[in-house]
């Protein structure tokens, strides 16, 4: 078995596992995919590979919720800033500085895992949303553009808004969808993502959707809190390794 075939098998297994995580927790597909594939190929190549399956699964998640209009009107400053920040930040992925992007990804994974494991439930007052939303969106965009991971700091912020469960999942889908589109646009603008090269990324849709379906079954039989706790512990270890890699 040559390296290219091994890479295809590894990518399929990664997207299946990432789909399971998304099916159980409502997020995590790009985090897992970038974390694992980033150890096998360059962050730029990994980010290009996850755009199509991320888009498909995020749109599915976005359209499944009941409050798209209300959430879009409430969160549009953050969403707009996510798009602008992601396009601007994508220069980090295309600059060839893999040490920087790998370390940044590791830092994002560690921050996210540590924050969620600590379970510190913050609350953002409604009066702060008008100016805080675009700041959070821009920061999330820069992290997304530089690492391909869509979670920091948007996910903790959306959790702190006190949204209902279904609204939170749909808000995550909205944020992730816009971030995915913006990342594709940023990479395409810089010549790193070609529309006519979608065959291989499109193949990742099947294992990703299969993983989501499996994750929904797992969610109905296993405690999501237990599953997510161990997932975050593994994520913390992976992020630490990626942070330390330049010094090894």
C-alpha atoms as a PDB file:
ATOM      1  CA  UNK A   1       0.000   0.000   0.000  1.00  0.00           C
ATOM      2  CA  UNK A   2       1.610   3.296  -1.108  1.00  0.00           C
ATOM      3  CA  UNK A   3       1.564   6.554   0.822  1.00  0.00           C
ATOM      4  CA  UNK A   4      -1.220   8.141  -1.251  1.00  0.00           C
ATOM      5  CA  UNK A   5      -3.560   5.216  -0.558  1.00  0.00           C
ATOM      6  CA  UNK A   6      -2.656   5.307   3.124  1.00  0.00           C
ATOM      7  CA  UNK A   7      -3.470   9.022   3.152  1.00  0.00           C
ATOM      8  CA  UNK A   8      -6.875   8.416   1.543  1.00  0.00           C
ATOM      9  CA  UNK A   9      -7.683   5.732   4.118  1.00  0.00           C
ATOM     10  CA  UNK A  10      -6.483   7.978   6.945  1.00  0.00           C
ATOM     11  CA  UNK A  11      -8.557  10.887   5.641  1.00  0.00           C
ATOM     12  CA  UNK A  12     -11.686   8.733   5.340  1.00  0.00           C
ATOM     13  CA  UNK A  13     -11.220   7.383   8.873  1.00  0.00           C
ATOM     14  CA  UNK A  14     -10.591  10.900  10.171  1.00  0.00           C
ATOM     15  CA  UNK A  15     -13.758  12.342   8.628  1.00  0.00           C
ATOM     16  CA  UNK A  16     -15.789   9.394   9.861  1.00  0.00           C
ATOM     17  CA  UNK A  17     -14.501   9.952  13.402  1.00  0.00           C
ATOM     18  CA  UNK A  18     -15.013  13.714  13.084  1.00  0.00           C
ATOM     19  CA  UNK A  19     -18.568  13.110  11.861  1.00  0.00           C
ATOM     20  CA  UNK A  20     -19.257  10.980  14.935  1.00  0.00           C
ATOM     21  CA  UNK A  21     -18.081  13.808  17.174  1.00  0.00           C
ATOM     22  CA  UNK A  22     -20.296  16.298  15.328  1.00  0.00           C
ATOM     23  CA  UNK A  23     -23.241  13.923  15.499  1.00  0.00           C
ATOM     24  CA  UNK A  24     -22.857  13.594  19.268  1.00  0.00           C
ATOM     25  CA  UNK A  25     -21.887  17.155  20.237  1.00  0.00           C
ATOM     26  CA  UNK A  26     -23.131  19.332  17.359  1.00  0.00           C
ATOM     27  CA  UNK A  27     -19.614  20.511  16.502  1.00  0.00           C
ATOM     28  CA  UNK A  28     -16.018  19.367  16.230  1.00  0.00           C
ATOM     29  CA  UNK A  29     -15.693  18.149  12.629  1.00  0.00           C
ATOM     30  CA  UNK A  30     -13.082  20.732  11.502  1.00  0.00           C
ATOM     31  CA  UNK A  31     -11.354  20.576  14.889  1.00  0.00           C
ATOM     32  CA  UNK A  32     -10.814  16.830  14.721  1.00  0.00           C
ATOM     33  CA  UNK A  33     -10.048  16.835  10.997  1.00  0.00           C
ATOM     34  CA  UNK A  34      -7.472  19.622  11.238  1.00  0.00           C
ATOM     35  CA  UNK A  35      -5.973  18.132  14.396  1.00  0.00           C
ATOM     36  CA  UNK A  36      -5.413  14.693  12.885  1.00  0.00           C
ATOM     37  CA  UNK A  37      -4.739  15.580   9.244  1.00  0.00           C
ATOM     38  CA  UNK A  38      -2.520  18.483  10.327  1.00  0.00           C
ATOM     39  CA  UNK A  39      -0.138  15.857  11.715  1.00  0.00           C
ATOM     40  CA  UNK A  40      -0.018  14.052   8.327  1.00  0.00           C
ATOM     41  CA  UNK A  41      -0.104  16.859   5.755  1.00  0.00           C
ATOM     42  CA  UNK A  42       0.357  20.624   5.771  1.00  0.00           C
ATOM     43  CA  UNK A  43      -2.304  22.748   7.523  1.00  0.00           C
ATOM     44  CA  UNK A  44      -3.100  24.358   4.150  1.00  0.00           C
ATOM     45  CA  UNK A  45      -3.746  20.989   2.490  1.00  0.00           C
ATOM     46  CA  UNK A  46      -5.807  19.816   5.471  1.00  0.00           C
ATOM     47  CA  UNK A  47      -7.902  23.008   5.439  1.00  0.00           C
ATOM     48  CA  UNK A  48      -8.573  22.633   1.704  1.00  0.00           C
ATOM     49  CA  UNK A  49      -9.623  19.024   2.211  1.00  0.00           C
ATOM     50  CA  UNK A  50     -12.166  19.785   4.935  1.00  0.00           C
ATOM     51  CA  UNK A  51     -13.980  22.673   3.207  1.00  0.00           C
ATOM     52  CA  UNK A  52     -16.512  20.586   1.250  1.00  0.00           C
ATOM     53  CA  UNK A  53     -17.510  18.091   3.985  1.00  0.00           C
ATOM     54  CA  UNK A  54     -17.617  20.925   6.531  1.00  0.00           C
ATOM     55  CA  UNK A  55     -19.899  22.965   4.292  1.00  0.00           C
ATOM     56  CA  UNK A  56     -22.322  20.105   3.670  1.00  0.00           C
ATOM     57  CA  UNK A  57     -22.579  19.050   7.322  1.00  0.00           C
ATOM     58  CA  UNK A  58     -22.847  22.664   8.539  1.00  0.00           C
ATOM     59  CA  UNK A  59     -25.644  23.523   6.105  1.00  0.00           C
ATOM     60  CA  UNK A  60     -27.499  20.411   7.260  1.00  0.00           C
ATOM     61  CA  UNK A  61     -27.102  21.557  10.865  1.00  0.00           C
ATOM     62  CA  UNK A  62     -28.117  25.143   9.999  1.00  0.00           C
ATOM     63  CA  UNK A  63     -31.313  24.205   8.163  1.00  0.00           C
ATOM     64  CA  UNK A  64     -32.424  21.706  10.808  1.00  0.00           C
ATOM     65  CA  UNK A  65     -33.127  24.389  13.430  1.00  0.00           C
ATOM     66  CA  UNK A  66     -36.292  26.458  13.964  1.00  0.00           C
ATOM     67  CA  UNK A  67     -34.975  30.025  14.340  1.00  0.00           C
ATOM     68  CA  UNK A  68     -32.801  30.899  11.361  1.00  0.00           C
ATOM     69  CA  UNK A  69     -34.323  34.345  10.764  1.00  0.00           C
ATOM     70  CA  UNK A  70     -34.197  35.437  14.409  1.00  0.00           C
ATOM     71  CA  UNK A  71     -30.630  34.211  14.857  1.00  0.00           C
ATOM     72  CA  UNK A  72     -29.435  35.822  11.626  1.00  0.00           C
ATOM     73  CA  UNK A  73     -30.850  39.198  12.683  1.00  0.00           C
ATOM     74  CA  UNK A  74     -29.323  38.904  16.154  1.00  0.00           C
ATOM     75  CA  UNK A  75     -25.904  37.585  15.145  1.00  0.00           C
ATOM     76  CA  UNK A  76     -25.252  39.346  11.824  1.00  0.00           C
ATOM     77  CA  UNK A  77     -22.504  41.643  13.227  1.00  0.00           C
ATOM     78  CA  UNK A  78     -20.569  38.607  14.445  1.00  0.00           C
ATOM     79  CA  UNK A  79     -21.201  36.639  11.247  1.00  0.00           C
ATOM     80  CA  UNK A  80     -20.058  39.518   9.028  1.00  0.00           C
ATOM     81  CA  UNK A  81     -16.898  39.948  11.107  1.00  0.00           C
ATOM     82  CA  UNK A  82     -16.246  36.183  10.920  1.00  0.00           C
ATOM     83  CA  UNK A  83     -16.336  36.362   7.119  1.00  0.00           C
ATOM     84  CA  UNK A  84     -14.027  39.385   6.894  1.00  0.00           C
ATOM     85  CA  UNK A  85     -11.605  38.047   9.497  1.00  0.00           C
ATOM     86  CA  UNK A  86     -11.447  34.619   7.875  1.00  0.00           C
ATOM     87  CA  UNK A  87     -10.662  35.985   4.421  1.00  0.00           C
ATOM     88  CA  UNK A  88      -7.987  38.258   5.872  1.00  0.00           C
ATOM     89  CA  UNK A  89      -6.555  35.537   8.131  1.00  0.00           C
ATOM     90  CA  UNK A  90      -6.327  32.977   5.330  1.00  0.00           C
ATOM     91  CA  UNK A  91      -3.053  34.632   4.303  1.00  0.00           C
ATOM     92  CA  UNK A  92      -1.488  32.829   7.287  1.00  0.00           C
ATOM     93  CA  UNK A  93      -2.352  29.438   5.796  1.00  0.00           C
ATOM     94  CA  UNK A  94      -1.126  30.368   2.327  1.00  0.00           C
ATOM     95  CA  UNK A  95       2.087  32.073   3.450  1.00  0.00           C
ATOM     96  CA  UNK A  96       3.906  28.755   3.804  1.00  0.00           C
ATOM     97  CA  UNK A  97       4.667  29.352   7.461  1.00  0.00           C
ATOM     98  CA  UNK A  98       3.591  25.900   8.602  1.00  0.00           C
ATOM     99  CA  UNK A  99       5.366  26.231  11.940  1.00  0.00           C
ATOM    100  CA  UNK A 100       3.291  29.290  12.773  1.00  0.00           C
ATOM    101  CA  UNK A 101      -0.021  27.803  11.636  1.00  0.00           C
ATOM    102  CA  UNK A 102       0.644  24.466  13.343  1.00  0.00           C
ATOM    103  CA  UNK A 103       1.478  26.203  16.611  1.00  0.00           C
ATOM    104  CA  UNK A 104      -1.568  28.445  16.257  1.00  0.00           C
ATOM    105  CA  UNK A 105      -3.766  25.410  15.669  1.00  0.00           C
ATOM    106  CA  UNK A 106      -2.298  23.706  18.723  1.00  0.00           C
ATOM    107  CA  UNK A 107      -2.971  26.809  20.799  1.00  0.00           C
ATOM    108  CA  UNK A 108      -6.569  26.960  19.544  1.00  0.00           C
ATOM    109  CA  UNK A 109      -7.129  23.298  20.408  1.00  0.00           C
ATOM    110  CA  UNK A 110      -5.638  23.701  23.890  1.00  0.00           C
ATOM    111  CA  UNK A 111      -7.642  26.845  24.643  1.00  0.00           C
ATOM    112  CA  UNK A 112     -10.896  25.335  23.464  1.00  0.00           C
ATOM    113  CA  UNK A 113     -10.415  22.006  25.244  1.00  0.00           C
ATOM    114  CA  UNK A 114      -9.242  23.597  28.496  1.00  0.00           C
ATOM    115  CA  UNK A 115     -12.105  26.102  28.496  1.00  0.00           C
ATOM    116  CA  UNK A 116     -14.760  23.462  27.865  1.00  0.00           C
ATOM    117  CA  UNK A 117     -13.299  20.987  30.361  1.00  0.00           C
ATOM    118  CA  UNK A 118     -13.316  23.717  33.011  1.00  0.00           C
ATOM    119  CA  UNK A 119     -17.050  24.124  32.296  1.00  0.00           C
ATOM    120  CA  UNK A 120     -16.981  27.759  33.252  1.00  0.00           C
ATOM    121  CA  UNK A 121     -20.402  28.980  32.167  1.00  0.00           C
ATOM    122  CA  UNK A 122     -20.131  32.679  31.418  1.00  0.00           C
ATOM    123  CA  UNK A 123     -23.018  35.001  30.611  1.00  0.00           C
ATOM    124  CA  UNK A 124     -22.835  37.936  28.217  1.00  0.00           C
ATOM    125  CA  UNK A 125     -25.262  40.772  29.070  1.00  0.00           C
ATOM    126  CA  UNK A 126     -27.498  41.785  26.174  1.00  0.00           C
ATOM    127  CA  UNK A 127     -26.203  45.356  26.402  1.00  0.00           C
ATOM    128  CA  UNK A 128     -22.694  44.184  25.479  1.00  0.00           C
ATOM    129  CA  UNK A 129     -23.686  42.243  22.349  1.00  0.00           C
ATOM    130  CA  UNK A 130     -23.653  45.161  19.848  1.00  0.00           C
ATOM    131  CA  UNK A 131     -19.914  45.810  20.281  1.00  0.00           C
ATOM    132  CA  UNK A 132     -18.737  42.433  21.577  1.00  0.00           C
ATOM    133  CA  UNK A 133     -20.256  40.373  18.717  1.00  0.00           C
ATOM    134  CA  UNK A 134     -18.107  41.905  15.938  1.00  0.00           C
ATOM    135  CA  UNK A 135     -14.979  41.666  18.109  1.00  0.00           C
ATOM    136  CA  UNK A 136     -15.615  37.962  18.747  1.00  0.00           C
ATOM    137  CA  UNK A 137     -16.443  37.449  15.072  1.00  0.00           C
ATOM    138  CA  UNK A 138     -13.244  39.106  13.860  1.00  0.00           C
ATOM    139  CA  UNK A 139     -11.106  37.128  16.312  1.00  0.00           C
ATOM    140  CA  UNK A 140     -12.809  33.893  15.268  1.00  0.00           C
ATOM    141  CA  UNK A 141     -12.243  34.757  11.626  1.00  0.00           C
ATOM    142  CA  UNK A 142      -8.520  35.335  12.081  1.00  0.00           C
ATOM    143  CA  UNK A 143      -8.167  32.028  13.947  1.00  0.00           C
ATOM    144  CA  UNK A 144     -10.230  30.275  11.270  1.00  0.00           C
ATOM    145  CA  UNK A 145      -8.220  31.783   8.432  1.00  0.00           C
ATOM    146  CA  UNK A 146      -4.928  30.905  10.094  1.00  0.00           C
ATOM    147  CA  UNK A 147      -5.743  27.392  11.322  1.00  0.00           C
ATOM    148  CA  UNK A 148      -8.908  26.111   9.600  1.00  0.00           C
ATOM    149  CA  UNK A 149     -10.552  25.618  13.022  1.00  0.00           C
ATOM    150  CA  UNK A 150     -13.864  27.431  13.466  1.00  0.00           C
ATOM    151  CA  UNK A 151     -14.414  27.251  17.231  1.00  0.00           C
ATOM    152  CA  UNK A 152     -12.311  29.876  19.048  1.00  0.00           C
ATOM    153  CA  UNK A 153     -13.698  32.128  20.462  1.00  0.00           C
ATOM    154  CA  UNK A 154     -17.129  31.933  18.781  1.00  0.00           C
ATOM    155  CA  UNK A 155     -18.308  28.720  20.468  1.00  0.00           C
ATOM    156  CA  UNK A 156     -17.689  29.878  24.074  1.00  0.00           C
ATOM    157  CA  UNK A 157     -19.279  33.239  23.179  1.00  0.00           C
ATOM    158  CA  UNK A 158     -22.427  31.674  21.708  1.00  0.00           C
ATOM    159  CA  UNK A 159     -22.702  29.423  24.762  1.00  0.00           C
ATOM    160  CA  UNK A 160     -22.448  32.516  26.976  1.00  0.00           C
ATOM    161  CA  UNK A 161     -25.433  34.144  25.230  1.00  0.00           C
ATOM    162  CA  UNK A 162     -27.746  31.722  27.019  1.00  0.00           C
ATOM    163  CA  UNK A 163     -29.404  30.393  23.859  1.00  0.00           C
ATOM    164  CA  UNK A 164     -31.796  27.488  24.058  1.00  0.00           C
ATOM    165  CA  UNK A 165     -30.334  24.114  23.055  1.00  0.00           C
ATOM    166  CA  UNK A 166     -31.833  24.007  19.537  1.00  0.00           C
ATOM    167  CA  UNK A 167     -31.027  27.682  18.934  1.00  0.00           C
ATOM    168  CA  UNK A 168     -27.432  27.152  20.066  1.00  0.00           C
ATOM    169  CA  UNK A 169     -26.936  24.240  17.669  1.00  0.00           C
ATOM    170  CA  UNK A 170     -28.436  26.282  14.825  1.00  0.00           C
ATOM    171  CA  UNK A 171     -26.322  29.330  15.725  1.00  0.00           C
ATOM    172  CA  UNK A 172     -23.218  27.132  15.612  1.00  0.00           C
ATOM    173  CA  UNK A 173     -24.311  25.847  12.205  1.00  0.00           C
ATOM    174  CA  UNK A 174     -24.771  29.426  10.971  1.00  0.00           C
ATOM    175  CA  UNK A 175     -21.346  30.523  12.215  1.00  0.00           C
ATOM    176  CA  UNK A 176     -19.602  27.423  10.874  1.00  0.00           C
ATOM    177  CA  UNK A 177     -21.292  27.704   7.466  1.00  0.00           C
ATOM    178  CA  UNK A 178     -20.230  31.317   6.956  1.00  0.00           C
ATOM    179  CA  UNK A 179     -16.708  30.545   8.190  1.00  0.00           C
ATOM    180  CA  UNK A 180     -16.434  27.633   5.741  1.00  0.00           C
ATOM    181  CA  UNK A 181     -17.564  29.762   2.791  1.00  0.00           C
ATOM    182  CA  UNK A 182     -15.207  32.578   3.785  1.00  0.00           C
ATOM    183  CA  UNK A 183     -12.273  30.185   4.180  1.00  0.00           C
ATOM    184  CA  UNK A 184     -12.911  28.765   0.713  1.00  0.00           C
ATOM    185  CA  UNK A 185     -13.126  32.299  -0.691  1.00  0.00           C
ATOM    186  CA  UNK A 186      -9.917  33.368   1.055  1.00  0.00           C
ATOM    187  CA  UNK A 187      -7.952  30.349  -0.142  1.00  0.00           C
ATOM    188  CA  UNK A 188      -9.380  30.652  -3.671  1.00  0.00           C
ATOM    189  CA  UNK A 189      -8.482  34.359  -3.760  1.00  0.00           C
ATOM    190  CA  UNK A 190      -4.892  33.421  -2.985  1.00  0.00           C
ATOM    191  CA  UNK A 191      -4.842  30.564  -5.500  1.00  0.00           C
ATOM    192  CA  UNK A 192      -4.726  27.806  -2.878  1.00  0.00           C
ATOM    193  CA  UNK A 193      -8.206  26.380  -3.474  1.00  0.00           C
ATOM    194  CA  UNK A 194      -9.387  25.467  -6.954  1.00  0.00           C
ATOM    195  CA  UNK A 195     -13.083  24.914  -7.685  1.00  0.00           C
ATOM    196  CA  UNK A 196     -12.173  22.304 -10.302  1.00  0.00           C
ATOM    197  CA  UNK A 197     -10.265  20.271  -7.711  1.00  0.00           C
ATOM    198  CA  UNK A 198     -13.262  19.282  -5.598  1.00  0.00           C
ATOM    199  CA  UNK A 199     -13.342  15.564  -6.446  1.00  0.00           C
ATOM    200  CA  UNK A 200     -11.145  14.407  -3.559  1.00  0.00           C
ATOM    201  CA  UNK A 201     -12.707  16.729  -0.924  1.00  0.00           C
ATOM    202  CA  UNK A 202     -16.172  15.668  -2.134  1.00  0.00           C
ATOM    203  CA  UNK A 203     -15.299  12.037  -1.386  1.00  0.00           C
ATOM    204  CA  UNK A 204     -14.904  13.029   2.269  1.00  0.00           C
ATOM    205  CA  UNK A 205     -18.625  13.875   2.420  1.00  0.00           C
ATOM    206  CA  UNK A 206     -19.609  10.199   2.562  1.00  0.00           C
ATOM    207  CA  UNK A 207     -17.569   9.219   5.651  1.00  0.00           C
ATOM    208  CA  UNK A 208     -18.442  12.554   7.310  1.00  0.00           C
ATOM    209  CA  UNK A 209     -22.198  12.030   6.860  1.00  0.00           C
ATOM    210  CA  UNK A 210     -21.876   8.375   7.863  1.00  0.00           C
ATOM    211  CA  UNK A 211     -20.071   9.523  10.984  1.00  0.00           C
ATOM    212  CA  UNK A 212     -22.813  12.043  11.784  1.00  0.00           C
ATOM    213  CA  UNK A 213     -25.456   9.349  11.447  1.00  0.00           C
ATOM    214  CA  UNK A 214     -23.416   7.048  13.697  1.00  0.00           C
ATOM    215  CA  UNK A 215     -22.915   9.874  16.177  1.00  0.00           C
ATOM    216  CA  UNK A 216     -26.651  10.394  16.450  1.00  0.00           C
ATOM    217  CA  UNK A 217     -27.033   6.721  17.343  1.00  0.00           C
ATOM    218  CA  UNK A 218     -24.206   6.963  19.877  1.00  0.00           C
ATOM    219  CA  UNK A 219     -25.799  10.079  21.387  1.00  0.00           C
ATOM    220  CA  UNK A 220     -29.001   8.159  22.057  1.00  0.00           C
ATOM    221  CA  UNK A 221     -27.145   5.350  23.869  1.00  0.00           C
ATOM    222  CA  UNK A 222     -24.134   6.944  25.563  1.00  0.00           C
ATOM    223  CA  UNK A 223     -23.948   9.944  27.843  1.00  0.00           C
ATOM    224  CA  UNK A 224     -22.842  12.886  25.662  1.00  0.00           C
ATOM    225  CA  UNK A 225     -21.099  14.475  28.646  1.00  0.00           C
ATOM    226  CA  UNK A 226     -18.919  11.393  29.162  1.00  0.00           C
ATOM    227  CA  UNK A 227     -18.117  11.097  25.463  1.00  0.00           C
ATOM    228  CA  UNK A 228     -17.339  14.793  25.162  1.00  0.00           C
ATOM    229  CA  UNK A 229     -15.144  14.798  28.271  1.00  0.00           C
ATOM    230  CA  UNK A 230     -12.830  12.119  26.849  1.00  0.00           C
ATOM    231  CA  UNK A 231     -12.903  13.762  23.440  1.00  0.00           C
ATOM    232  CA  UNK A 232     -11.728  17.038  25.001  1.00  0.00           C
ATOM    233  CA  UNK A 233      -8.984  15.298  26.975  1.00  0.00           C
ATOM    234  CA  UNK A 234      -7.660  13.768  23.739  1.00  0.00           C
ATOM    235  CA  UNK A 235      -7.997  17.139  22.020  1.00  0.00           C
ATOM    236  CA  UNK A 236      -6.019  18.811  24.801  1.00  0.00           C
ATOM    237  CA  UNK A 237      -3.225  16.248  24.431  1.00  0.00           C
ATOM    238  CA  UNK A 238      -3.170  16.659  20.644  1.00  0.00           C
ATOM    239  CA  UNK A 239      -3.059  20.448  20.873  1.00  0.00           C
ATOM    240  CA  UNK A 240      -0.213  20.285  23.396  1.00  0.00           C
ATOM    241  CA  UNK A 241       1.771  18.031  21.071  1.00  0.00           C
ATOM    242  CA  UNK A 242       1.253  20.415  18.135  1.00  0.00           C
ATOM    243  CA  UNK A 243       2.336  23.376  20.263  1.00  0.00           C
ATOM    244  CA  UNK A 244       5.473  21.532  21.360  1.00  0.00           C
ATOM    245  CA  UNK A 245       6.329  20.114  17.904  1.00  0.00           C
ATOM    246  CA  UNK A 246       8.559  23.044  16.791  1.00  0.00           C
ATOM    247  CA  UNK A 247      10.703  22.555  19.892  1.00  0.00           C
ATOM    248  CA  UNK A 248      11.141  18.770  19.561  1.00  0.00           C
END
